[in-house]
């Protein structure tokens, strides 16, 4: 069932949960992108609110991808990267705190979206 939702989500036919946009691994990445995305997919599986998250390993492609997502993280150097909120640079973050912090940001954003939708429905 999960695979079915992911296929529909990738085709833009069904929106449920967090859509993670990431880059393939390359020599420029500042952290292990594949491992990070895998951990985030697992930790964010409970979020059903539709939103986008970009996890990009370097500063070459990351800022452009982050412009188009609700929350983003772009690897930098020296063990830290940049967090983007609504496409804008917000704060730097050490790579070792990245997964926990991004989970917190996504859960907070999901609560905000749900509250706004509830208010609009009233």
N, C-alpha and C. Protein backbone atom coordinates (compact mmCIF):
# COMPACT_ATOMS: atom_id res chain seq x y z
N UNK A 1 0.82 -1.18 0.00
CA UNK A 1 0.00 0.00 0.00
C UNK A 1 0.87 1.26 0.00
N UNK A 2 1.95 1.23 0.79
CA UNK A 2 2.85 2.38 0.85
C UNK A 2 3.44 2.67 -0.51
N UNK A 3 3.86 1.63 -1.21
CA UNK A 3 4.44 1.80 -2.54
C UNK A 3 3.42 2.43 -3.49
N UNK A 4 2.18 1.98 -3.40
CA UNK A 4 1.12 2.55 -4.23
C UNK A 4 0.94 4.04 -4.02
N UNK A 5 0.91 4.47 -2.73
CA UNK A 5 0.80 5.90 -2.43
C UNK A 5 2.01 6.66 -2.96
N UNK A 6 3.19 6.08 -2.83
CA UNK A 6 4.40 6.76 -3.31
C UNK A 6 4.37 6.91 -4.83
N UNK A 7 3.87 5.92 -5.54
CA UNK A 7 3.76 6.02 -7.00
C UNK A 7 2.78 7.13 -7.38
N UNK A 8 1.62 7.13 -6.74
CA UNK A 8 0.63 8.17 -7.01
C UNK A 8 1.16 9.56 -6.65
N UNK A 9 1.90 9.64 -5.54
CA UNK A 9 2.49 10.91 -5.12
C UNK A 9 3.51 11.40 -6.15
N UNK A 10 4.35 10.50 -6.63
CA UNK A 10 5.38 10.89 -7.60
C UNK A 10 4.77 11.34 -8.92
N UNK A 11 3.59 10.84 -9.24
CA UNK A 11 2.90 11.24 -10.47
C UNK A 11 2.04 12.49 -10.29
N UNK A 12 1.98 12.97 -9.05
CA UNK A 12 1.18 14.16 -8.76
C UNK A 12 -0.31 13.88 -8.72
N UNK A 13 -0.69 12.61 -8.56
CA UNK A 13 -2.10 12.23 -8.56
C UNK A 13 -2.69 12.14 -7.15
N UNK A 14 -1.85 11.99 -6.17
CA UNK A 14 -2.32 11.88 -4.78
C UNK A 14 -1.30 12.56 -3.88
N UNK A 15 -1.78 13.36 -2.99
CA UNK A 15 -0.88 14.07 -2.10
C UNK A 15 -1.18 13.66 -0.67
N UNK A 16 -0.25 12.95 -0.08
CA UNK A 16 -0.41 12.51 1.30
C UNK A 16 0.98 12.34 1.89
N UNK A 17 1.24 13.02 2.97
CA UNK A 17 2.52 12.88 3.62
C UNK A 17 3.59 13.78 3.04
N UNK A 18 4.79 13.53 3.48
CA UNK A 18 5.94 14.36 3.11
C UNK A 18 6.57 13.83 1.82
N UNK A 19 6.69 14.71 0.84
CA UNK A 19 7.40 14.39 -0.39
C UNK A 19 8.83 14.87 -0.22
N UNK A 20 9.77 13.92 -0.24
CA UNK A 20 11.18 14.28 -0.06
C UNK A 20 11.86 14.34 -1.41
N UNK A 21 12.45 15.48 -1.71
CA UNK A 21 13.25 15.67 -2.92
C UNK A 21 14.70 15.61 -2.48
N UNK A 22 15.47 14.74 -3.10
CA UNK A 22 16.87 14.63 -2.72
C UNK A 22 17.72 14.43 -3.97
N UNK A 23 19.00 14.54 -3.77
CA UNK A 23 19.94 14.39 -4.88
C UNK A 23 20.63 13.03 -4.77
N UNK A 24 21.14 12.56 -5.89
CA UNK A 24 21.95 11.34 -5.81
C UNK A 24 23.28 11.68 -5.15
N UNK A 25 23.94 10.70 -4.68
CA UNK A 25 25.22 10.97 -4.03
C UNK A 25 26.26 11.38 -5.08
N UNK A 26 27.12 12.29 -4.69
CA UNK A 26 28.21 12.73 -5.56
C UNK A 26 29.37 13.18 -4.68
N UNK A 27 30.43 13.57 -5.30
CA UNK A 27 31.64 13.97 -4.56
C UNK A 27 31.46 15.27 -3.79
N UNK A 28 30.44 16.07 -4.13
CA UNK A 28 30.25 17.36 -3.47
C UNK A 28 29.43 17.28 -2.20
N UNK A 29 28.79 16.16 -1.94
CA UNK A 29 27.88 16.10 -0.79
C UNK A 29 28.62 16.30 0.53
N UNK A 30 27.98 17.03 1.43
CA UNK A 30 28.57 17.32 2.72
C UNK A 30 28.15 16.35 3.81
N UNK A 31 27.28 15.39 3.47
CA UNK A 31 26.80 14.38 4.41
C UNK A 31 26.26 13.21 3.59
N UNK A 32 25.94 12.12 4.24
CA UNK A 32 25.43 10.94 3.55
C UNK A 32 23.94 11.15 3.25
N UNK A 33 23.64 11.59 2.04
CA UNK A 33 22.28 11.94 1.65
C UNK A 33 21.37 10.71 1.69
N UNK A 34 21.82 9.60 1.14
CA UNK A 34 20.98 8.41 1.07
C UNK A 34 20.61 7.91 2.47
N UNK A 35 21.58 7.85 3.35
CA UNK A 35 21.32 7.42 4.73
C UNK A 35 20.37 8.39 5.44
N UNK A 36 20.57 9.69 5.22
CA UNK A 36 19.74 10.71 5.85
C UNK A 36 18.30 10.63 5.37
N UNK A 37 18.11 10.50 4.05
CA UNK A 37 16.75 10.41 3.50
C UNK A 37 16.05 9.15 4.00
N UNK A 38 16.77 8.06 4.07
CA UNK A 38 16.20 6.82 4.58
C UNK A 38 15.72 7.00 6.02
N UNK A 39 16.55 7.63 6.85
CA UNK A 39 16.17 7.87 8.25
C UNK A 39 14.96 8.80 8.33
N UNK A 40 14.94 9.84 7.49
CA UNK A 40 13.81 10.77 7.51
C UNK A 40 12.52 10.12 7.03
N UNK A 41 12.61 9.30 6.00
CA UNK A 41 11.41 8.60 5.53
C UNK A 41 10.80 7.76 6.65
N UNK A 42 11.64 7.08 7.38
CA UNK A 42 11.17 6.25 8.49
C UNK A 42 10.58 7.09 9.61
N UNK A 43 11.28 8.14 9.98
CA UNK A 43 10.84 8.97 11.11
C UNK A 43 9.62 9.84 10.78
N UNK A 44 9.38 10.10 9.47
CA UNK A 44 8.26 10.96 9.08
C UNK A 44 7.08 10.18 8.51
N UNK A 45 7.12 8.87 8.60
CA UNK A 45 6.06 8.03 8.03
C UNK A 45 4.69 8.32 8.65
N UNK A 46 4.66 8.81 9.87
CA UNK A 46 3.40 9.10 10.55
C UNK A 46 2.75 10.40 10.11
N UNK A 47 3.48 11.26 9.42
CA UNK A 47 2.96 12.55 8.99
C UNK A 47 2.12 12.35 7.73
N UNK A 48 0.85 12.68 7.80
CA UNK A 48 -0.03 12.53 6.64
C UNK A 48 -0.31 13.85 5.93
N UNK A 49 0.04 14.95 6.57
CA UNK A 49 -0.14 16.27 5.97
C UNK A 49 0.77 16.41 4.77
N UNK A 50 0.21 16.88 3.68
CA UNK A 50 0.99 17.03 2.45
C UNK A 50 1.93 18.23 2.54
N UNK A 51 3.23 17.96 2.33
CA UNK A 51 4.22 19.03 2.29
C UNK A 51 5.48 18.51 1.60
N UNK A 52 6.38 19.42 1.26
CA UNK A 52 7.60 19.03 0.56
C UNK A 52 8.82 19.34 1.40
N UNK A 53 9.83 18.48 1.25
CA UNK A 53 11.07 18.58 2.00
C UNK A 53 12.22 18.28 1.05
N UNK A 54 13.17 19.17 0.96
CA UNK A 54 14.35 18.92 0.12
C UNK A 54 15.55 18.63 1.01
N UNK A 55 16.27 17.58 0.64
CA UNK A 55 17.49 17.19 1.34
C UNK A 55 18.57 17.07 0.26
N UNK A 56 19.40 18.09 0.17
CA UNK A 56 20.40 18.17 -0.90
C UNK A 56 21.78 18.24 -0.25
N UNK A 57 22.70 17.46 -0.78
CA UNK A 57 24.00 17.30 -0.15
C UNK A 57 24.99 18.43 -0.31
N UNK A 58 24.74 19.37 -1.21
CA UNK A 58 25.75 20.41 -1.44
C UNK A 58 25.11 21.76 -1.69
N UNK A 59 25.94 22.78 -1.68
CA UNK A 59 25.47 24.15 -1.90
C UNK A 59 25.34 24.51 -3.37
N UNK A 60 25.72 23.60 -4.26
CA UNK A 60 25.60 23.88 -5.69
C UNK A 60 24.14 23.78 -6.13
N UNK A 61 23.48 22.68 -5.82
CA UNK A 61 22.09 22.47 -6.24
C UNK A 61 21.08 22.73 -5.12
N UNK A 62 21.52 22.68 -3.89
CA UNK A 62 20.62 22.78 -2.76
C UNK A 62 19.77 24.03 -2.68
N UNK A 63 20.35 25.22 -2.81
CA UNK A 63 19.53 26.43 -2.68
C UNK A 63 18.41 26.52 -3.72
N UNK A 64 18.65 26.09 -4.93
CA UNK A 64 17.61 26.11 -5.96
C UNK A 64 16.48 25.16 -5.64
N UNK A 65 16.81 23.97 -5.17
CA UNK A 65 15.79 23.00 -4.78
C UNK A 65 15.01 23.50 -3.57
N UNK A 66 15.70 24.10 -2.62
CA UNK A 66 15.05 24.57 -1.39
C UNK A 66 14.05 25.69 -1.66
N UNK A 67 14.24 26.44 -2.74
CA UNK A 67 13.30 27.50 -3.10
C UNK A 67 11.90 26.96 -3.34
N UNK A 68 11.82 25.71 -3.77
CA UNK A 68 10.56 25.12 -4.19
C UNK A 68 9.92 24.23 -3.13
N UNK A 69 10.49 24.15 -1.93
CA UNK A 69 9.97 23.24 -0.92
C UNK A 69 9.57 23.98 0.36
N UNK A 70 8.74 23.32 1.14
CA UNK A 70 8.31 23.91 2.42
C UNK A 70 9.48 24.00 3.40
N UNK A 71 10.26 22.93 3.46
CA UNK A 71 11.42 22.86 4.34
C UNK A 71 12.56 22.26 3.55
N UNK A 72 13.77 22.76 3.76
CA UNK A 72 14.91 22.21 3.04
C UNK A 72 16.16 22.22 3.88
N UNK A 73 17.08 21.34 3.52
CA UNK A 73 18.40 21.32 4.13
C UNK A 73 19.42 21.15 3.03
N UNK A 74 20.42 22.00 3.02
CA UNK A 74 21.49 21.95 2.05
C UNK A 74 22.81 21.77 2.77
N UNK A 75 23.52 20.72 2.41
CA UNK A 75 24.83 20.49 2.99
C UNK A 75 25.79 21.61 2.64
N UNK A 76 26.68 21.85 3.51
CA UNK A 76 27.67 22.90 3.28
C UNK A 76 29.05 22.34 3.49
N UNK A 77 29.71 22.83 4.44
CA UNK A 77 31.04 22.36 4.76
C UNK A 77 31.25 22.39 6.26
N UNK A 78 32.36 21.87 6.69
CA UNK A 78 32.74 21.86 8.10
C UNK A 78 31.67 21.23 8.99
N UNK A 79 30.95 20.22 8.47
CA UNK A 79 29.99 19.49 9.28
C UNK A 79 28.69 20.20 9.56
N UNK A 80 28.34 21.20 8.76
CA UNK A 80 27.07 21.89 8.96
C UNK A 80 26.45 22.26 7.62
N UNK A 81 25.19 22.64 7.67
CA UNK A 81 24.48 23.02 6.46
C UNK A 81 23.46 24.11 6.78
N UNK A 82 22.67 24.44 5.75
CA UNK A 82 21.70 25.52 5.88
C UNK A 82 20.28 24.96 5.86
N UNK A 83 19.45 25.44 6.77
CA UNK A 83 18.04 25.08 6.81
C UNK A 83 17.26 26.19 6.10
N UNK A 84 16.33 25.77 5.25
CA UNK A 84 15.47 26.69 4.51
C UNK A 84 14.03 26.46 4.96
N UNK A 85 13.31 27.54 5.18
CA UNK A 85 11.89 27.47 5.50
C UNK A 85 11.15 28.31 4.47
N UNK A 86 10.19 27.69 3.80
CA UNK A 86 9.41 28.35 2.75
C UNK A 86 10.34 28.96 1.68
N UNK A 87 11.41 28.26 1.36
CA UNK A 87 12.30 28.69 0.30
C UNK A 87 13.33 29.73 0.67
N UNK A 88 13.35 30.15 1.92
CA UNK A 88 14.30 31.19 2.35
C UNK A 88 15.28 30.62 3.38
N UNK A 89 16.52 31.07 3.28
CA UNK A 89 17.52 30.67 4.27
C UNK A 89 17.03 31.07 5.65
N UNK A 90 17.15 30.15 6.61
CA UNK A 90 16.68 30.46 7.94
C UNK A 90 17.79 30.37 8.99
N UNK A 91 18.47 29.22 9.05
CA UNK A 91 19.54 29.08 10.04
C UNK A 91 20.46 27.92 9.66
N UNK A 92 21.66 27.96 10.22
CA UNK A 92 22.59 26.85 9.99
C UNK A 92 22.38 25.80 11.07
N UNK A 93 22.83 24.59 10.73
CA UNK A 93 22.61 23.47 11.62
C UNK A 93 23.73 22.46 11.42
N UNK A 94 24.20 21.89 12.51
CA UNK A 94 25.24 20.87 12.39
C UNK A 94 24.63 19.60 11.82
N UNK A 95 25.39 18.90 11.01
CA UNK A 95 24.91 17.67 10.37
C UNK A 95 24.49 16.62 11.37
N UNK A 96 25.14 16.56 12.52
CA UNK A 96 24.81 15.52 13.49
C UNK A 96 23.45 15.76 14.17
N UNK A 97 22.91 16.95 14.08
CA UNK A 97 21.59 17.26 14.64
C UNK A 97 20.50 17.34 13.57
N UNK A 98 20.89 17.15 12.33
CA UNK A 98 20.00 17.39 11.19
C UNK A 98 18.70 16.59 11.24
N UNK A 99 18.78 15.29 11.38
CA UNK A 99 17.58 14.45 11.30
C UNK A 99 16.58 14.82 12.38
N UNK A 100 17.01 14.89 13.63
CA UNK A 100 16.10 15.23 14.72
C UNK A 100 15.46 16.60 14.51
N UNK A 101 16.26 17.56 14.10
CA UNK A 101 15.76 18.93 13.92
C UNK A 101 14.77 19.00 12.76
N UNK A 102 15.06 18.33 11.67
CA UNK A 102 14.15 18.35 10.52
C UNK A 102 12.83 17.68 10.88
N UNK A 103 12.88 16.58 11.63
CA UNK A 103 11.64 15.93 12.07
C UNK A 103 10.81 16.92 12.89
N UNK A 104 11.44 17.65 13.79
CA UNK A 104 10.73 18.65 14.59
C UNK A 104 10.10 19.73 13.71
N UNK A 105 10.87 20.21 12.73
CA UNK A 105 10.36 21.25 11.83
C UNK A 105 9.17 20.75 11.01
N UNK A 106 9.26 19.53 10.51
CA UNK A 106 8.17 18.96 9.70
C UNK A 106 6.92 18.78 10.56
N UNK A 107 7.08 18.25 11.76
CA UNK A 107 5.93 18.06 12.64
C UNK A 107 5.28 19.41 12.99
N UNK A 108 6.10 20.42 13.23
CA UNK A 108 5.57 21.75 13.53
C UNK A 108 4.82 22.32 12.33
N UNK A 109 5.40 22.19 11.15
CA UNK A 109 4.76 22.69 9.92
C UNK A 109 3.46 21.94 9.66
N UNK A 110 3.44 20.63 9.89
CA UNK A 110 2.22 19.84 9.70
C UNK A 110 1.12 20.34 10.63
N UNK A 111 1.45 20.63 11.88
CA UNK A 111 0.47 21.14 12.84
C UNK A 111 -0.06 22.50 12.39
N UNK A 112 0.81 23.36 11.86
CA UNK A 112 0.38 24.67 11.37
C UNK A 112 -0.57 24.52 10.19
N UNK A 113 -0.24 23.65 9.25
CA UNK A 113 -1.08 23.43 8.07
C UNK A 113 -2.44 22.88 8.49
N UNK A 114 -2.44 21.90 9.40
CA UNK A 114 -3.69 21.29 9.86
C UNK A 114 -4.56 22.32 10.58
N UNK A 115 -3.95 23.19 11.39
CA UNK A 115 -4.70 24.22 12.10
C UNK A 115 -5.31 25.22 11.12
N UNK A 116 -4.55 25.59 10.11
CA UNK A 116 -5.06 26.53 9.10
C UNK A 116 -6.20 25.91 8.31
N UNK A 117 -6.07 24.64 7.96
CA UNK A 117 -7.14 23.95 7.23
C UNK A 117 -8.40 23.83 8.07
N UNK A 118 -8.24 23.56 9.35
CA UNK A 118 -9.38 23.45 10.26
C UNK A 118 -10.09 24.80 10.40
N UNK A 119 -9.28 25.87 10.53
CA UNK A 119 -9.84 27.21 10.64
C UNK A 119 -10.59 27.60 9.37
N UNK A 120 -10.02 27.26 8.22
CA UNK A 120 -10.66 27.59 6.94
C UNK A 120 -11.97 26.82 6.76
N UNK A 121 -12.05 25.64 7.32
CA UNK A 121 -13.26 24.81 7.19
C UNK A 121 -14.41 25.31 8.08
N UNK A 122 -14.07 26.08 9.09
CA UNK A 122 -15.11 26.56 10.03
C UNK A 122 -15.88 27.73 9.52
